[in-house]
Amino acid sequence: MTSETPPENSALFPGSRPSRWSNLDRPPLNGAALRQALTNIDGGLYCDIEVVESTGSTNSDLAALALADDASEGAVHVAEQQTSGRGRLDRTWTAPARSGLFFSVLLEPSKVPVHRLGWLPLLAGVATATAISRTVGIDTALKWPNDLLVTVDGEERKAGGILAERAGERFVVLGIGINVSLGEDELPVPTAGSLALTGARALDRGPLLRAVLRSLEQWYVPWRDALGDPAASGLQEAYAAGCATLGRRVRAELPGERTLVGEAVALDGDGRLVIAVDGGGREAVGAGDVVHLRAASETESD
């Protein structure tokens, strides 16, 4: 029996050890197939892809390898389950094993000016939304700066998130999480969503992961080679076209307990959200939490 051959169902044999093949509705990813499809390509970005059954955080694992000089740009770390996954502002990200895609990519944008690195999570959002649309055939939208939105029963819900973190002076670890097959009873919060809940029929995680990684490379390499220039690489235009935040009334909760309310009108050259503040003036927001507001009632739309 090879490692890719499913053993007998442990539910039929109570004394057997649970395996990663126990739930055939959520089969495991094939690490060998991913490596064959994406690595060892002349001039390609990806150098290694590792798939593990469980870990605390793929971002933390990959950052530790980078800091120990044990990983290079293009290394990818994928977990079937994360026990300590996190998003921006130290929020947790949890999901059942093999119900989504949870992975991190190591990047080394050494020639990109530091003030343009804020475009990386936006770039990852464009790449991920593009890949999902092409592979699954559902409409997605982006909430500034790092959320992937889908529509479930007419309601806007978060089905994915992105976290970019520096790892020393050279590297950035880009983490992406996508809820794929979660049902309503498995969602971490009622405002979350998944690809399955949109009615998507194609939920095979292998092709989707390959598509996201290829799309990420297609956006990252031109942006890196353009020294992070969002206009020259086409990133600024693409993000604005798919961003659900622009043109919306928002509340921005900023560091230092500051709050801004107004209309999100633009992105500046550094990827910051420009808000036309109620009462006059404009302010560019680079950090904080942005909530979509409904124009009439000013209730939250997450």
Protein backbone atom coordinates (compact mmCIF):
# COMPACT_ATOMS: atom_id res chain seq x y z
CA MET A 1 0.00 0.00 0.00
CA THR A 2 1.43 3.37 -0.98
CA SER A 3 0.90 6.62 0.93
CA GLU A 4 -1.58 7.75 -1.74
CA THR A 5 -3.78 4.61 -1.42
CA PRO A 6 -6.75 4.96 0.94
CA PRO A 7 -6.99 2.30 3.66
CA GLU A 8 -10.28 0.68 4.60
CA ASN A 9 -12.79 3.08 6.12
CA SER A 10 -12.06 3.30 9.84
CA ALA A 11 -15.78 3.76 10.53
CA LEU A 12 -16.30 0.14 9.39
CA PHE A 13 -13.41 -1.08 11.53
CA PRO A 14 -13.76 0.61 14.96
CA GLY A 15 -10.35 -0.49 16.15
CA SER A 16 -8.45 0.98 13.21
CA ARG A 17 -6.41 4.17 13.37
CA PRO A 18 -8.09 7.30 11.87
CA SER A 19 -6.46 8.38 8.63
CA ARG A 20 -6.43 11.37 6.34
CA TRP A 21 -8.65 9.36 3.98
CA SER A 22 -11.42 8.89 6.58
CA ASN A 23 -13.63 11.58 4.99
CA LEU A 24 -13.75 10.86 1.26
CA ASP A 25 -15.93 13.94 0.70
CA ARG A 26 -12.83 15.93 1.62
CA PRO A 27 -9.89 14.02 0.12
CA PRO A 28 -6.34 15.06 0.95
CA LEU A 29 -4.18 17.17 -1.31
CA ASN A 30 -1.58 15.36 -3.40
CA GLY A 31 1.72 17.02 -2.58
CA ALA A 32 3.66 15.12 -5.24
CA ALA A 33 1.23 16.20 -7.96
CA LEU A 34 1.41 19.83 -6.82
CA ARG A 35 5.20 19.79 -6.91
CA GLN A 36 5.24 18.20 -10.35
CA ALA A 37 2.82 20.80 -11.72
CA LEU A 38 4.38 23.91 -10.23
CA THR A 39 8.08 23.46 -9.43
CA ASN A 40 11.20 22.86 -11.49
CA ILE A 41 9.90 25.09 -14.27
CA ASP A 42 12.60 27.16 -15.99
CA GLY A 43 12.23 30.72 -14.78
CA GLY A 44 9.28 29.79 -12.57
CA LEU A 45 8.68 31.23 -9.11
CA TYR A 46 8.06 28.07 -7.11
CA CYS A 47 10.95 25.97 -5.81
CA ASP A 48 9.28 23.67 -3.27
CA ILE A 49 5.78 22.78 -2.06
CA GLU A 50 5.25 20.98 1.23
CA VAL A 51 1.88 19.66 2.37
CA VAL A 52 1.42 18.74 6.05
CA GLU A 53 -1.63 17.28 7.76
CA SER A 54 -1.75 19.81 10.59
CA THR A 55 0.21 22.75 11.93
CA GLY A 56 -0.32 25.80 14.08
CA SER A 57 0.28 28.41 11.38
CA THR A 58 1.76 28.03 7.92
CA ASN A 59 2.95 31.64 8.11
CA SER A 60 4.84 30.98 11.33
CA ASP A 61 6.36 27.77 9.98
CA LEU A 62 7.59 29.38 6.77
CA ALA A 63 8.87 32.48 8.55
CA ALA A 64 10.92 30.30 10.90
CA LEU A 65 12.47 28.47 7.95
CA ALA A 66 13.27 31.75 6.21
CA LEU A 67 14.91 33.23 9.29
CA ALA A 68 16.97 30.06 9.69
CA ASP A 69 18.05 30.36 6.04
CA ASP A 70 16.34 27.03 5.29
CA ALA A 71 13.93 28.34 2.63
CA SER A 72 14.13 30.38 -0.57
CA GLU A 73 11.73 32.58 -2.49
CA GLY A 74 9.00 30.45 -3.97
CA ALA A 75 8.74 27.98 -1.09
CA VAL A 76 5.11 27.04 -0.37
CA HIS A 77 3.83 25.55 2.89
CA VAL A 78 0.32 24.03 2.84
CA ALA A 79 -1.63 22.61 5.80
CA GLU A 80 -4.70 20.41 5.63
CA GLN A 81 -5.65 21.99 8.96
CA GLN A 82 -4.38 24.96 10.95
CA THR A 83 -4.82 24.91 14.73
CA SER A 84 -3.58 28.47 15.32
CA GLY A 85 -4.31 30.19 12.02
CA ARG A 86 -4.60 33.95 12.25
CA GLY A 87 -5.55 36.97 10.24
CA ARG A 88 -5.00 40.68 10.59
CA LEU A 89 -5.27 42.27 14.03
CA ASP A 90 -4.49 38.86 15.63
CA ARG A 91 -7.88 37.41 14.71
CA THR A 92 -8.10 33.63 14.64
CA TRP A 93 -8.90 31.55 11.56
CA THR A 94 -10.27 28.06 12.18
CA ALA A 95 -11.89 25.44 9.95
CA PRO A 96 -12.32 21.64 9.86
CA ALA A 97 -9.53 19.59 8.32
CA ARG A 98 -9.45 19.62 4.51
CA SER A 99 -12.44 21.99 4.33
CA GLY A 100 -10.41 24.79 2.77
CA LEU A 101 -7.06 25.92 1.49
CA PHE A 102 -4.58 27.18 4.08
CA PHE A 103 -1.14 27.98 2.72
CA SER A 104 1.76 30.42 2.74
CA VAL A 105 4.24 31.52 0.08
CA LEU A 106 7.71 32.92 0.76
CA LEU A 107 8.58 35.98 -1.33
CA GLU A 108 11.75 38.05 -1.56
CA PRO A 109 10.85 41.41 -3.12
CA SER A 110 14.26 42.83 -2.24
CA LYS A 111 14.26 45.54 -4.93
CA VAL A 112 10.76 46.78 -4.13
CA PRO A 113 10.75 49.93 -1.96
CA VAL A 114 9.37 49.31 1.53
CA HIS A 115 6.53 51.81 1.07
CA ARG A 116 5.15 49.70 -1.78
CA LEU A 117 5.06 46.40 0.13
CA GLY A 118 1.55 47.27 1.28
CA TRP A 119 0.41 46.24 -2.20
CA LEU A 120 1.29 42.58 -1.58
CA PRO A 121 -1.95 41.59 0.21
CA LEU A 122 -3.90 43.51 -2.44
CA LEU A 123 -1.99 41.66 -5.17
CA ALA A 124 -2.78 38.35 -3.49
CA GLY A 125 -6.45 39.33 -3.38
CA VAL A 126 -6.54 40.03 -7.11
CA ALA A 127 -4.72 36.78 -7.86
CA THR A 128 -6.99 34.69 -5.65
CA ALA A 129 -10.22 36.24 -6.88
CA THR A 130 -9.13 35.76 -10.49
CA ALA A 131 -8.25 32.10 -9.92
CA ILE A 132 -11.53 31.34 -8.13
CA SER A 133 -13.55 32.97 -10.88
CA ARG A 134 -11.76 30.97 -13.58
CA THR A 135 -11.73 27.66 -11.72
CA VAL A 136 -15.02 27.62 -9.81
CA GLY A 137 -17.01 30.08 -11.90
CA ILE A 138 -18.40 32.26 -9.11
CA ASP A 139 -18.23 36.01 -8.65
CA THR A 140 -15.98 37.30 -5.90
CA ALA A 141 -15.16 40.75 -4.60
CA LEU A 142 -12.37 42.24 -2.50
CA LYS A 143 -12.77 44.12 0.73
CA TRP A 144 -9.81 46.37 1.46
CA PRO A 145 -7.22 45.35 2.38
CA ASN A 146 -7.28 41.56 2.70
CA ASP A 147 -10.73 39.93 2.57
CA LEU A 148 -12.30 37.84 -0.19
CA LEU A 149 -16.07 38.25 -0.36
CA VAL A 150 -18.73 35.99 -1.86
CA THR A 151 -22.50 36.34 -2.02
CA VAL A 152 -24.63 33.81 -0.14
CA ASP A 153 -28.42 34.21 -0.41
CA GLY A 154 -27.98 37.84 -1.40
CA GLU A 155 -25.70 38.56 1.55
CA GLU A 156 -22.05 39.61 1.35
CA ARG A 157 -19.85 37.22 3.34
CA LYS A 158 -16.14 36.69 3.90
CA ALA A 159 -14.85 33.43 2.39
CA GLY A 160 -11.13 34.12 2.47
CA GLY A 161 -8.41 36.22 4.00
CA ILE A 162 -4.81 37.22 3.37
CA LEU A 163 -1.99 38.02 5.79
CA ALA A 164 1.38 39.41 4.69
CA GLU A 165 4.16 39.46 7.30
CA ARG A 166 7.82 40.46 7.15
CA ALA A 167 10.36 37.74 7.95
CA GLY A 168 13.61 39.55 8.64
CA GLU A 169 14.90 42.16 6.20
CA ARG A 170 14.71 40.01 3.05
CA PHE A 171 11.47 38.08 3.05
CA VAL A 172 7.71 38.51 3.15
CA VAL A 173 5.50 35.56 4.05
CA LEU A 174 2.15 35.74 2.26
CA GLY A 175 -0.56 33.63 3.87
CA ILE A 176 -3.87 32.83 2.15
CA GLY A 177 -6.90 31.07 3.59
CA ILE A 178 -10.00 30.11 1.59
CA ASN A 179 -13.15 28.44 2.93
CA VAL A 180 -14.02 25.85 0.29
CA SER A 181 -16.50 23.19 1.44
CA LEU A 182 -17.70 24.48 4.83
CA GLY A 183 -21.41 24.19 5.53
CA GLU A 184 -23.45 26.66 7.58
CA ASP A 185 -22.99 24.61 10.76
CA GLU A 186 -19.19 24.67 10.36
CA LEU A 187 -18.68 28.41 9.92
CA PRO A 188 -16.57 30.07 12.63
CA VAL A 189 -18.95 33.08 12.70
CA PRO A 190 -22.36 33.68 11.08
CA THR A 191 -20.92 36.37 8.77
CA ALA A 192 -18.44 33.92 7.21
CA GLY A 193 -19.06 32.15 3.93
CA SER A 194 -17.58 29.46 1.71
CA LEU A 195 -17.42 28.54 -1.93
CA ALA A 196 -19.82 25.66 -1.28
CA LEU A 197 -22.46 28.01 0.13
CA THR A 198 -22.47 30.04 -3.09
CA GLY A 199 -23.67 26.95 -4.93
CA ALA A 200 -20.32 26.26 -6.59
CA ARG A 201 -20.16 22.72 -7.87
CA ALA A 202 -16.40 22.39 -8.47
CA LEU A 203 -14.85 22.11 -4.99
CA ASP A 204 -11.74 20.04 -5.77
CA ARG A 205 -9.02 21.77 -3.78
CA GLY A 206 -6.10 20.51 -5.86
CA PRO A 207 -6.97 22.30 -9.12
CA LEU A 208 -8.02 25.38 -7.16
CA LEU A 209 -4.72 25.58 -5.28
CA ARG A 210 -2.76 25.19 -8.52
CA ALA A 211 -4.84 27.94 -10.11
CA VAL A 212 -4.31 30.34 -7.19
CA LEU A 213 -0.55 29.75 -7.13
CA ARG A 214 -0.24 30.22 -10.89
CA SER A 215 -2.32 33.40 -10.73
CA LEU A 216 -0.21 34.69 -7.84
CA GLU A 217 2.95 34.16 -9.90
CA GLN A 218 1.39 35.90 -12.91
CA TRP A 219 0.67 39.01 -10.82
CA TYR A 220 3.69 38.98 -8.50
CA VAL A 221 6.52 38.68 -11.05
CA PRO A 222 5.53 41.73 -13.18
CA TRP A 223 4.86 43.76 -10.02
CA ARG A 224 8.26 42.80 -8.56
CA ASP A 225 10.02 43.49 -11.85
CA ALA A 226 8.30 46.90 -12.00
CA LEU A 227 9.82 47.62 -8.55
CA GLY A 228 6.38 47.46 -7.00
CA ASP A 229 4.88 50.16 -9.22
CA PRO A 230 1.13 49.39 -9.04
CA ALA A 231 0.27 51.43 -12.14
CA ALA A 232 3.01 50.05 -14.41
CA SER A 233 2.19 46.45 -13.42
CA GLY A 234 -1.56 46.94 -13.90
CA LEU A 235 -2.24 46.02 -10.29
CA GLN A 236 -3.81 49.29 -9.18
CA GLU A 237 -6.38 49.23 -11.98
CA ALA A 238 -7.21 45.54 -11.44
CA TYR A 239 -7.65 45.91 -7.70
CA ALA A 240 -9.86 48.98 -8.05
CA ALA A 241 -12.05 47.12 -10.56
CA GLY A 242 -12.68 44.24 -8.15
CA CYS A 243 -12.79 46.14 -4.85
CA ALA A 244 -16.19 46.21 -3.14
CA THR A 245 -14.96 48.84 -0.67
CA LEU A 246 -14.52 51.66 -3.17
CA GLY A 247 -17.63 53.77 -3.55
CA ARG A 248 -19.03 52.48 -0.24
CA ARG A 249 -19.63 54.24 3.04
CA VAL A 250 -17.19 52.82 5.55
CA ARG A 251 -16.11 53.12 9.14
CA ALA A 252 -12.36 52.90 9.66
CA GLU A 253 -11.25 51.96 13.16
CA LEU A 254 -7.66 53.14 13.41
CA PRO A 255 -4.80 52.65 15.87
CA GLY A 256 -5.05 54.91 18.89
CA GLU A 257 -8.83 54.42 19.07
CA ARG A 258 -9.46 56.85 16.22
CA THR A 259 -12.51 56.33 14.00
CA LEU A 260 -13.25 57.75 10.58
CA VAL A 261 -16.61 57.57 8.81
CA GLY A 262 -17.07 58.51 5.19
CA GLU A 263 -16.92 57.26 1.61
CA ALA A 264 -14.01 55.16 0.33
CA VAL A 265 -13.10 57.00 -2.87
CA ALA A 266 -9.70 55.77 -4.05
CA LEU A 267 -6.45 53.92 -3.46
CA ASP A 268 -3.25 55.95 -3.33
CA GLY A 269 0.09 54.90 -4.80
CA ASP A 270 1.05 52.99 -1.66
CA GLY A 271 -2.15 50.94 -1.55
CA ARG A 272 -3.76 52.98 1.21
CA LEU A 273 -7.52 53.53 1.23
CA VAL A 274 -8.49 57.16 0.71
CA ILE A 275 -11.63 58.15 2.63
CA ALA A 276 -13.68 61.31 2.00
CA VAL A 277 -14.45 61.94 5.66
CA ASP A 278 -17.87 63.12 6.80
CA GLY A 279 -17.52 66.79 7.62
CA GLY A 280 -14.89 67.44 4.96
CA GLY A 281 -11.39 66.45 3.94
CA ARG A 282 -9.74 63.25 2.82
CA GLU A 283 -7.51 60.87 4.72
CA ALA A 284 -5.44 57.91 3.53
CA VAL A 285 -5.72 54.85 5.77
CA GLY A 286 -2.89 52.31 5.76
CA ALA A 287 -3.68 50.32 8.89
CA GLY A 288 -6.77 49.52 10.90
CA ASP A 289 -10.11 47.80 10.48
CA VAL A 290 -12.58 48.90 7.80
CA VAL A 291 -16.28 48.07 8.06
CA HIS A 292 -18.69 48.41 5.15
CA LEU A 293 -21.75 50.43 6.12
CA ARG A 294 -25.19 50.43 4.58
CA ALA A 295 -26.05 53.94 3.49
CA ALA A 296 -29.44 54.16 5.17
CA SER A 297 -29.00 52.44 8.51
CA GLU A 298 -25.21 52.51 8.93
CA THR A 299 -25.27 48.89 10.04
CA GLU A 300 -22.28 46.68 9.46
CA SER A 301 -21.92 44.59 6.31
CA ASP A 302 -19.11 42.08 6.83
